[in-house]
Amino acid sequence: MKKGSKAILARGLLEGYVGRSVRGSVVRSGFNLETSDYQGSEGKYHDEWAADFNGGGQELIESASGEKATRVYAGGTRSADKLQELGLTKKDVIGKLILFVNDIGDGTRLDADAERTDGAWKYTYKVLKSVREIPVDVGEEEIRFNDNLVFVHYHIISPVI
């Protein structure tokens, strides 16, 4: 993936998590989706998703130099009762996700592995497959609390050419 595409994917995601993107909603073929939009010097970013504890979405970007790419994702958190057994809420898990993603910055959910810990919490992002001939990357993002899986997302990233 080109550097410009990586920059706007990372920036749009971070702006969405810290609340500086424009939030909204849209109906697509009768499905209610939440949205996040960001535009800056890196380019423009749009995200649409349907999720509470589990679900998925799609990010679309155009870099400042005109490169286009998409990242689709699906997964989520353990159920409320399973989290409660661990003394957690979904808000706790998403709060840690935001902390880890912001800490790693432009180095996560792309084409390189990343790992962070914070006490009993552990974040990992692993590239499961990279196909350079097409090109496309597949990644797995996990959060564990005391070695219990509490969050997982799978990502597929591809340029739009």
N, C-alpha and C. Protein backbone atom coordinates (compact mmCIF):
# COMPACT_ATOMS: atom_id res chain seq x y z
N MET A 1 0.85 -1.18 0.00
CA MET A 1 0.00 0.00 0.00
C MET A 1 0.89 1.23 0.00
N LYS A 2 0.47 2.22 -0.77
CA LYS A 2 1.26 3.44 -0.90
C LYS A 2 1.20 4.29 0.37
N LYS A 3 2.26 5.05 0.58
CA LYS A 3 2.42 5.87 1.78
C LYS A 3 1.26 6.86 1.98
N GLY A 4 0.81 7.50 0.91
CA GLY A 4 -0.29 8.46 1.02
C GLY A 4 -1.59 7.81 1.47
N SER A 5 -1.87 6.61 0.96
CA SER A 5 -3.07 5.88 1.37
C SER A 5 -2.99 5.50 2.85
N LYS A 6 -1.81 5.04 3.27
CA LYS A 6 -1.63 4.69 4.69
C LYS A 6 -1.87 5.91 5.58
N ALA A 7 -1.35 7.05 5.16
CA ALA A 7 -1.46 8.27 5.98
C ALA A 7 -2.92 8.68 6.19
N ILE A 8 -3.73 8.66 5.14
CA ILE A 8 -5.12 9.11 5.31
C ILE A 8 -5.96 8.04 6.00
N LEU A 9 -5.68 6.75 5.77
CA LEU A 9 -6.39 5.71 6.52
C LEU A 9 -6.14 5.86 8.02
N ALA A 10 -4.88 6.07 8.37
CA ALA A 10 -4.54 6.22 9.79
C ALA A 10 -5.14 7.49 10.37
N ARG A 11 -5.01 8.60 9.66
CA ARG A 11 -5.49 9.88 10.17
C ARG A 11 -7.01 9.89 10.32
N GLY A 12 -7.73 9.39 9.31
CA GLY A 12 -9.19 9.34 9.38
C GLY A 12 -9.67 8.49 10.54
N LEU A 13 -9.04 7.34 10.75
CA LEU A 13 -9.38 6.47 11.87
C LEU A 13 -9.15 7.19 13.20
N LEU A 14 -7.98 7.79 13.34
CA LEU A 14 -7.66 8.48 14.60
C LEU A 14 -8.60 9.64 14.86
N GLU A 15 -8.90 10.42 13.83
CA GLU A 15 -9.82 11.56 14.00
C GLU A 15 -11.20 11.07 14.41
N GLY A 16 -11.63 9.94 13.86
CA GLY A 16 -12.92 9.37 14.25
C GLY A 16 -12.94 8.92 15.69
N TYR A 17 -11.87 8.29 16.15
CA TYR A 17 -11.82 7.80 17.53
C TYR A 17 -11.72 8.92 18.56
N VAL A 18 -11.07 10.01 18.21
CA VAL A 18 -10.96 11.10 19.19
C VAL A 18 -12.07 12.13 19.04
N GLY A 19 -12.99 11.87 18.12
CA GLY A 19 -14.18 12.71 18.01
C GLY A 19 -14.02 13.98 17.21
N ARG A 20 -12.98 14.08 16.38
CA ARG A 20 -12.80 15.29 15.59
C ARG A 20 -13.29 15.14 14.16
N SER A 21 -13.81 13.97 13.83
CA SER A 21 -14.37 13.79 12.49
C SER A 21 -15.85 14.20 12.53
N VAL A 22 -16.43 14.35 11.36
CA VAL A 22 -17.85 14.69 11.28
C VAL A 22 -18.63 13.38 11.34
N ARG A 23 -19.48 13.24 12.37
CA ARG A 23 -20.27 12.03 12.56
C ARG A 23 -21.66 12.22 11.98
N GLY A 24 -22.23 11.11 11.50
CA GLY A 24 -23.57 11.17 10.95
C GLY A 24 -24.17 9.80 10.82
N SER A 25 -25.20 9.72 10.01
CA SER A 25 -25.84 8.44 9.73
C SER A 25 -26.40 8.47 8.32
N VAL A 26 -26.61 7.29 7.77
CA VAL A 26 -27.11 7.17 6.41
C VAL A 26 -27.92 5.88 6.33
N VAL A 27 -28.89 5.85 5.43
CA VAL A 27 -29.64 4.62 5.17
C VAL A 27 -29.23 4.12 3.79
N ARG A 28 -28.71 2.90 3.73
CA ARG A 28 -28.30 2.27 2.48
C ARG A 28 -29.15 1.02 2.27
N SER A 29 -29.99 1.03 1.25
CA SER A 29 -30.85 -0.12 0.93
C SER A 29 -31.64 -0.58 2.14
N GLY A 30 -32.10 0.37 2.95
CA GLY A 30 -32.90 0.05 4.13
C GLY A 30 -32.10 -0.27 5.38
N PHE A 31 -30.77 -0.21 5.31
CA PHE A 31 -29.92 -0.47 6.47
C PHE A 31 -29.46 0.86 7.06
N ASN A 32 -29.63 1.02 8.37
CA ASN A 32 -29.17 2.22 9.06
C ASN A 32 -27.69 2.05 9.40
N LEU A 33 -26.87 2.98 8.94
CA LEU A 33 -25.43 2.94 9.19
C LEU A 33 -24.98 4.22 9.85
N GLU A 34 -23.97 4.10 10.70
CA GLU A 34 -23.31 5.28 11.25
C GLU A 34 -22.18 5.66 10.31
N THR A 35 -21.81 6.95 10.31
CA THR A 35 -20.76 7.42 9.41
C THR A 35 -19.78 8.33 10.14
N SER A 36 -18.59 8.41 9.56
CA SER A 36 -17.55 9.31 10.04
C SER A 36 -16.82 9.84 8.80
N ASP A 37 -16.61 11.15 8.74
CA ASP A 37 -15.91 11.77 7.63
C ASP A 37 -14.81 12.69 8.14
N TYR A 38 -13.71 12.66 7.43
CA TYR A 38 -12.58 13.53 7.73
C TYR A 38 -11.97 14.00 6.41
N GLN A 39 -11.58 15.27 6.36
CA GLN A 39 -10.84 15.78 5.22
C GLN A 39 -9.75 16.69 5.75
N GLY A 40 -8.53 16.46 5.28
CA GLY A 40 -7.39 17.27 5.72
C GLY A 40 -6.30 17.24 4.67
N SER A 41 -5.12 17.67 5.07
CA SER A 41 -4.00 17.74 4.12
C SER A 41 -3.60 16.38 3.58
N GLU A 42 -3.94 15.30 4.31
CA GLU A 42 -3.61 13.93 3.88
C GLU A 42 -4.56 13.44 2.81
N GLY A 43 -5.77 14.02 2.72
CA GLY A 43 -6.77 13.58 1.76
C GLY A 43 -8.14 13.53 2.41
N LYS A 44 -9.02 12.68 1.85
CA LYS A 44 -10.36 12.55 2.43
C LYS A 44 -10.63 11.10 2.81
N TYR A 45 -11.46 10.95 3.85
CA TYR A 45 -11.73 9.66 4.48
C TYR A 45 -13.22 9.57 4.78
N HIS A 46 -13.80 8.41 4.50
CA HIS A 46 -15.20 8.16 4.81
C HIS A 46 -15.33 6.75 5.37
N ASP A 47 -16.10 6.60 6.45
CA ASP A 47 -16.32 5.31 7.10
C ASP A 47 -17.81 5.13 7.32
N GLU A 48 -18.32 3.94 7.02
CA GLU A 48 -19.71 3.57 7.30
C GLU A 48 -19.71 2.22 7.99
N TRP A 49 -20.52 2.09 9.06
CA TRP A 49 -20.55 0.83 9.79
C TRP A 49 -21.91 0.59 10.44
N ALA A 50 -22.15 -0.69 10.70
CA ALA A 50 -23.32 -1.12 11.46
C ALA A 50 -22.79 -2.06 12.54
N ALA A 51 -22.92 -1.66 13.79
CA ALA A 51 -22.38 -2.49 14.87
C ALA A 51 -22.85 -1.97 16.22
N ASP A 52 -22.97 -2.87 17.15
CA ASP A 52 -23.08 -2.54 18.57
C ASP A 52 -22.00 -3.35 19.25
N PHE A 53 -22.30 -4.59 19.60
CA PHE A 53 -21.25 -5.47 20.12
C PHE A 53 -20.49 -6.13 18.98
N ASN A 54 -21.16 -6.35 17.86
CA ASN A 54 -20.54 -7.02 16.72
C ASN A 54 -21.09 -6.40 15.45
N GLY A 55 -20.31 -6.43 14.39
CA GLY A 55 -20.76 -5.88 13.13
C GLY A 55 -19.59 -5.63 12.21
N GLY A 56 -19.74 -4.63 11.34
CA GLY A 56 -18.65 -4.34 10.42
C GLY A 56 -18.90 -3.07 9.64
N GLY A 57 -17.94 -2.76 8.78
CA GLY A 57 -18.05 -1.55 7.99
C GLY A 57 -17.01 -1.46 6.91
N GLN A 58 -16.99 -0.29 6.28
CA GLN A 58 -16.06 -0.04 5.19
C GLN A 58 -15.56 1.39 5.25
N GLU A 59 -14.24 1.55 5.13
CA GLU A 59 -13.61 2.85 5.01
C GLU A 59 -13.19 3.04 3.55
N LEU A 60 -13.36 4.25 3.05
CA LEU A 60 -12.93 4.62 1.71
C LEU A 60 -12.06 5.87 1.83
N ILE A 61 -10.96 5.90 1.09
CA ILE A 61 -10.08 7.07 1.16
C ILE A 61 -9.62 7.50 -0.22
N GLU A 62 -9.27 8.78 -0.28
CA GLU A 62 -8.52 9.30 -1.41
C GLU A 62 -7.41 10.16 -0.84
N SER A 63 -6.16 9.79 -1.14
CA SER A 63 -5.02 10.53 -0.60
C SER A 63 -4.88 11.86 -1.32
N ALA A 64 -4.04 12.72 -0.76
CA ALA A 64 -3.80 14.03 -1.36
C ALA A 64 -3.28 13.92 -2.79
N SER A 65 -2.59 12.83 -3.10
CA SER A 65 -2.05 12.65 -4.46
C SER A 65 -3.00 11.88 -5.38
N GLY A 66 -4.22 11.57 -4.88
CA GLY A 66 -5.22 10.94 -5.71
C GLY A 66 -5.34 9.43 -5.61
N GLU A 67 -4.48 8.79 -4.80
CA GLU A 67 -4.59 7.34 -4.60
C GLU A 67 -5.90 7.04 -3.88
N LYS A 68 -6.53 5.94 -4.24
CA LYS A 68 -7.77 5.52 -3.58
C LYS A 68 -7.57 4.14 -3.00
N ALA A 69 -8.23 3.88 -1.86
CA ALA A 69 -8.13 2.58 -1.21
C ALA A 69 -9.38 2.34 -0.37
N THR A 70 -9.57 1.10 0.00
CA THR A 70 -10.66 0.72 0.89
C THR A 70 -10.15 -0.24 1.95
N ARG A 71 -10.77 -0.16 3.10
CA ARG A 71 -10.50 -1.13 4.18
C ARG A 71 -11.86 -1.57 4.70
N VAL A 72 -12.14 -2.86 4.63
CA VAL A 72 -13.36 -3.40 5.19
C VAL A 72 -13.00 -4.14 6.47
N TYR A 73 -13.94 -4.18 7.40
CA TYR A 73 -13.65 -4.79 8.69
C TYR A 73 -14.92 -5.38 9.28
N ALA A 74 -14.73 -6.38 10.13
CA ALA A 74 -15.85 -7.00 10.84
C ALA A 74 -15.32 -7.64 12.11
N GLY A 75 -16.21 -7.76 13.08
CA GLY A 75 -15.88 -8.35 14.37
C GLY A 75 -16.53 -7.56 15.48
N GLY A 76 -15.92 -7.56 16.66
CA GLY A 76 -16.46 -6.78 17.77
C GLY A 76 -16.02 -7.30 19.11
N THR A 77 -16.88 -7.07 20.10
CA THR A 77 -16.56 -7.42 21.49
C THR A 77 -17.35 -8.65 21.93
N ARG A 78 -16.88 -9.23 23.02
CA ARG A 78 -17.63 -10.32 23.65
C ARG A 78 -18.98 -9.77 24.10
N SER A 79 -19.92 -10.65 24.38
CA SER A 79 -21.25 -10.25 24.83
C SER A 79 -21.17 -9.57 26.18
N ALA A 80 -22.21 -8.79 26.50
CA ALA A 80 -22.24 -8.04 27.76
C ALA A 80 -22.11 -8.96 28.97
N ASP A 81 -22.79 -10.10 28.96
CA ASP A 81 -22.71 -11.01 30.11
C ASP A 81 -21.32 -11.63 30.25
N LYS A 82 -20.66 -11.95 29.13
CA LYS A 82 -19.29 -12.50 29.20
C LYS A 82 -18.31 -11.43 29.69
N LEU A 83 -18.50 -10.20 29.22
CA LEU A 83 -17.64 -9.11 29.71
C LEU A 83 -17.86 -8.89 31.20
N GLN A 84 -19.12 -8.93 31.63
CA GLN A 84 -19.44 -8.73 33.04
C GLN A 84 -18.76 -9.78 33.92
N GLU A 85 -18.69 -11.01 33.44
CA GLU A 85 -17.98 -12.08 34.17
C GLU A 85 -16.52 -11.72 34.41
N LEU A 86 -15.94 -10.93 33.51
CA LEU A 86 -14.55 -10.49 33.64
C LEU A 86 -14.44 -9.16 34.38
N GLY A 87 -15.58 -8.61 34.82
CA GLY A 87 -15.59 -7.33 35.51
C GLY A 87 -15.47 -6.15 34.56
N LEU A 88 -15.87 -6.34 33.29
CA LEU A 88 -15.72 -5.31 32.27
C LEU A 88 -17.05 -4.94 31.64
N THR A 89 -17.03 -3.81 30.93
CA THR A 89 -18.15 -3.40 30.09
C THR A 89 -17.62 -3.18 28.67
N LYS A 90 -18.52 -3.05 27.72
CA LYS A 90 -18.11 -2.75 26.35
C LYS A 90 -17.36 -1.42 26.32
N LYS A 91 -17.81 -0.47 27.12
CA LYS A 91 -17.14 0.84 27.19
C LYS A 91 -15.68 0.69 27.62
N ASP A 92 -15.40 -0.21 28.57
CA ASP A 92 -14.01 -0.46 28.99
C ASP A 92 -13.17 -0.95 27.81
N VAL A 93 -13.72 -1.91 27.07
CA VAL A 93 -12.99 -2.51 25.95
C VAL A 93 -12.75 -1.47 24.85
N ILE A 94 -13.79 -0.75 24.48
CA ILE A 94 -13.64 0.25 23.42
C ILE A 94 -12.70 1.37 23.86
N GLY A 95 -12.74 1.71 25.14
CA GLY A 95 -11.80 2.71 25.67
C GLY A 95 -10.36 2.26 25.49
N LYS A 96 -10.08 0.98 25.74
CA LYS A 96 -8.73 0.46 25.55
C LYS A 96 -8.37 0.40 24.07
N LEU A 97 -9.34 0.05 23.22
CA LEU A 97 -9.09 0.04 21.78
C LEU A 97 -8.67 1.43 21.33
N ILE A 98 -9.39 2.44 21.75
CA ILE A 98 -9.07 3.82 21.38
C ILE A 98 -7.68 4.19 21.89
N LEU A 99 -7.36 3.82 23.13
CA LEU A 99 -6.05 4.11 23.70
C LEU A 99 -4.95 3.47 22.87
N PHE A 100 -5.10 2.18 22.55
CA PHE A 100 -4.07 1.47 21.79
C PHE A 100 -3.94 2.03 20.38
N VAL A 101 -5.04 2.25 19.69
CA VAL A 101 -4.99 2.77 18.32
C VAL A 101 -4.35 4.15 18.30
N ASN A 102 -4.67 5.00 19.26
CA ASN A 102 -4.05 6.32 19.32
C ASN A 102 -2.57 6.23 19.66
N ASP A 103 -2.20 5.29 20.53
CA ASP A 103 -0.80 5.11 20.91
C ASP A 103 0.03 4.65 19.72
N ILE A 104 -0.50 3.73 18.94
CA ILE A 104 0.24 3.20 17.79
C ILE A 104 0.18 4.18 16.62
N GLY A 105 -0.87 4.97 16.56
CA GLY A 105 -0.98 6.02 15.52
C GLY A 105 -1.06 5.45 14.13
N ASP A 106 -0.15 5.89 13.27
CA ASP A 106 -0.22 5.45 11.87
C ASP A 106 0.42 4.09 11.63
N GLY A 107 0.62 3.33 12.70
CA GLY A 107 1.25 2.02 12.56
C GLY A 107 0.32 0.85 12.81
N THR A 108 -0.98 1.06 12.78
CA THR A 108 -1.88 -0.07 13.04
C THR A 108 -2.94 -0.20 11.96
N ARG A 109 -3.50 -1.39 11.89
CA ARG A 109 -4.56 -1.73 10.94
C ARG A 109 -4.12 -1.51 9.50
N LEU A 110 -2.84 -1.70 9.24
CA LEU A 110 -2.34 -1.51 7.88
C LEU A 110 -1.60 -2.77 7.41
N ASP A 111 -0.34 -2.64 7.06
CA ASP A 111 0.40 -3.77 6.50
C ASP A 111 1.62 -4.17 7.33
N ALA A 112 1.56 -3.88 8.65
CA ALA A 112 2.64 -4.25 9.56
C ALA A 112 2.07 -4.68 10.90
N ASP A 113 2.73 -5.64 11.54
CA ASP A 113 2.30 -6.10 12.86
C ASP A 113 2.52 -4.99 13.90
N ALA A 114 1.69 -5.02 14.95
CA ALA A 114 1.83 -4.06 16.06
C ALA A 114 1.40 -4.76 17.34
N GLU A 115 2.01 -4.37 18.46
CA GLU A 115 1.65 -4.95 19.75
C GLU A 115 1.88 -3.91 20.85
N ARG A 116 0.94 -3.86 21.80
CA ARG A 116 1.07 -2.98 22.96
C ARG A 116 0.44 -3.67 24.16
N THR A 117 0.93 -3.34 25.35
CA THR A 117 0.31 -3.81 26.58
C THR A 117 0.08 -2.62 27.50
N ASP A 118 -0.91 -2.77 28.37
CA ASP A 118 -1.24 -1.78 29.39
C ASP A 118 -1.78 -2.55 30.58
N GLY A 119 -0.89 -2.93 31.49
CA GLY A 119 -1.30 -3.73 32.64
C GLY A 119 -1.82 -5.08 32.20
N ALA A 120 -3.08 -5.38 32.54
CA ALA A 120 -3.70 -6.67 32.21
C ALA A 120 -4.19 -6.72 30.76
N TRP A 121 -4.07 -5.60 30.04
CA TRP A 121 -4.58 -5.51 28.67
C TRP A 121 -3.46 -5.72 27.65
N LYS A 122 -3.78 -6.44 26.57
CA LYS A 122 -2.81 -6.65 25.49
C LYS A 122 -3.51 -6.47 24.15
N TYR A 123 -2.89 -5.65 23.30
CA TYR A 123 -3.38 -5.39 21.94
C TYR A 123 -2.40 -6.00 20.96
N THR A 124 -2.93 -6.69 19.95
CA THR A 124 -2.08 -7.17 18.87
C THR A 124 -2.79 -6.95 17.53
N TYR A 125 -1.99 -6.58 16.54
CA TYR A 125 -2.46 -6.55 15.17
C TYR A 125 -1.46 -7.38 14.39
N LYS A 126 -1.97 -8.39 13.68
CA LYS A 126 -1.11 -9.27 12.90
C LYS A 126 -1.56 -9.26 11.44
N VAL A 127 -0.61 -9.11 10.55
CA VAL A 127 -0.89 -9.26 9.13
C VAL A 127 -0.94 -10.76 8.87
N LEU A 128 -2.10 -11.24 8.46
CA LEU A 128 -2.27 -12.67 8.22
C LEU A 128 -1.85 -13.06 6.81
N LYS A 129 -2.03 -12.15 5.87
CA LYS A 129 -1.65 -12.45 4.49
C LYS A 129 -1.47 -11.15 3.72
N SER A 130 -0.43 -11.11 2.91
CA SER A 130 -0.19 -10.00 1.98
C SER A 130 -0.02 -10.59 0.60
N VAL A 131 -0.80 -10.11 -0.33
CA VAL A 131 -0.70 -10.56 -1.71
C VAL A 131 -0.24 -9.35 -2.53
N ARG A 132 1.01 -9.33 -2.91
CA ARG A 132 1.59 -8.18 -3.61
C ARG A 132 1.14 -8.13 -5.06
N GLU A 133 0.86 -9.29 -5.67
CA GLU A 133 0.50 -9.32 -7.09
C GLU A 133 -0.85 -8.68 -7.37
N ILE A 134 -1.74 -8.62 -6.40
CA ILE A 134 -3.11 -8.15 -6.67
C ILE A 134 -3.27 -6.65 -6.45
N PRO A 135 -2.91 -5.97 -5.43
CA PRO A 135 -2.45 -6.21 -4.06
C PRO A 135 -3.61 -6.16 -3.05
N VAL A 136 -3.46 -6.92 -1.96
CA VAL A 136 -4.44 -6.92 -0.88
C VAL A 136 -3.75 -7.44 0.38
N ASP A 137 -4.15 -6.89 1.54
CA ASP A 137 -3.64 -7.32 2.84
C ASP A 137 -4.80 -7.72 3.73
N VAL A 138 -4.60 -8.76 4.53
CA VAL A 138 -5.60 -9.22 5.49
C VAL A 138 -4.96 -9.19 6.87
N GLY A 139 -5.65 -8.60 7.85
CA GLY A 139 -5.10 -8.50 9.19
C GLY A 139 -6.10 -8.87 10.27
N GLU A 140 -5.55 -9.22 11.44
CA GLU A 140 -6.36 -9.58 12.61
C GLU A 140 -5.95 -8.68 13.77
N GLU A 141 -6.95 -8.06 14.39
CA GLU A 141 -6.73 -7.17 15.53
C GLU A 141 -7.41 -7.79 16.75
N GLU A 142 -6.67 -7.93 17.84
CA GLU A 142 -7.21 -8.53 19.06
C GLU A 142 -6.90 -7.67 20.27
N ILE A 143 -7.82 -7.71 21.23
CA ILE A 143 -7.54 -7.20 22.57
C ILE A 143 -7.86 -8.31 23.55
N ARG A 144 -6.92 -8.53 24.46
CA ARG A 144 -7.11 -9.52 25.52
C ARG A 144 -7.01 -8.82 26.87
N PHE A 145 -7.80 -9.30 27.80
CA PHE A 145 -7.76 -8.82 29.19
C PHE A 145 -7.47 -10.04 30.06
N ASN A 146 -6.36 -9.99 30.79
CA ASN A 146 -5.91 -11.16 31.56
C ASN A 146 -5.93 -12.41 30.70
N ASP A 147 -5.45 -12.27 29.48
CA ASP A 147 -5.36 -13.34 28.47
C ASP A 147 -6.71 -13.87 27.99
N ASN A 148 -7.81 -13.18 28.30
CA ASN A 148 -9.13 -13.54 27.78
C ASN A 148 -9.43 -12.65 26.58
N LEU A 149 -9.81 -13.25 25.47
CA LEU A 149 -10.18 -12.49 24.29
C LEU A 149 -11.43 -11.67 24.58
N VAL A 150 -11.34 -10.34 24.39
CA VAL A 150 -12.51 -9.47 24.61
C VAL A 150 -12.88 -8.68 23.37
N PHE A 151 -12.02 -8.65 22.36
CA PHE A 151 -12.28 -7.90 21.13
C PHE A 151 -11.50 -8.51 19.99
N VAL A 152 -12.13 -8.60 18.82
CA VAL A 152 -11.42 -9.02 17.61
C VAL A 152 -12.05 -8.35 16.40
N HIS A 153 -11.20 -7.90 15.50
CA HIS A 153 -11.61 -7.36 14.21
C HIS A 153 -10.72 -7.99 13.14
N TYR A 154 -11.31 -8.25 12.00
CA TYR A 154 -10.54 -8.67 10.83
C TYR A 154 -10.64 -7.56 9.79
N HIS A 155 -9.52 -7.27 9.14
CA HIS A 155 -9.43 -6.18 8.17
C HIS A 155 -8.94 -6.71 6.83
N ILE A 156 -9.52 -6.19 5.77
CA ILE A 156 -9.04 -6.44 4.41
C ILE A 156 -8.82 -5.07 3.78
N ILE A 157 -7.59 -4.85 3.29
CA ILE A 157 -7.19 -3.55 2.76
C ILE A 157 -6.75 -3.71 1.31
N SER A 158 -7.26 -2.83 0.46
CA SER A 158 -6.92 -2.91 -0.95
C SER A 158 -6.93 -1.53 -1.58
N PRO A 159 -6.00 -1.25 -2.49
CA PRO A 159 -6.14 -0.03 -3.27
C PRO A 159 -7.34 -0.17 -4.19
N VAL A 160 -7.89 0.96 -4.60
CA VAL A 160 -8.97 0.99 -5.58
C VAL A 160 -8.32 1.51 -6.87
N ILE A 161 -8.15 0.60 -7.82
CA ILE A 161 -7.45 0.99 -9.07
C ILE A 161 -8.23 0.48 -10.28
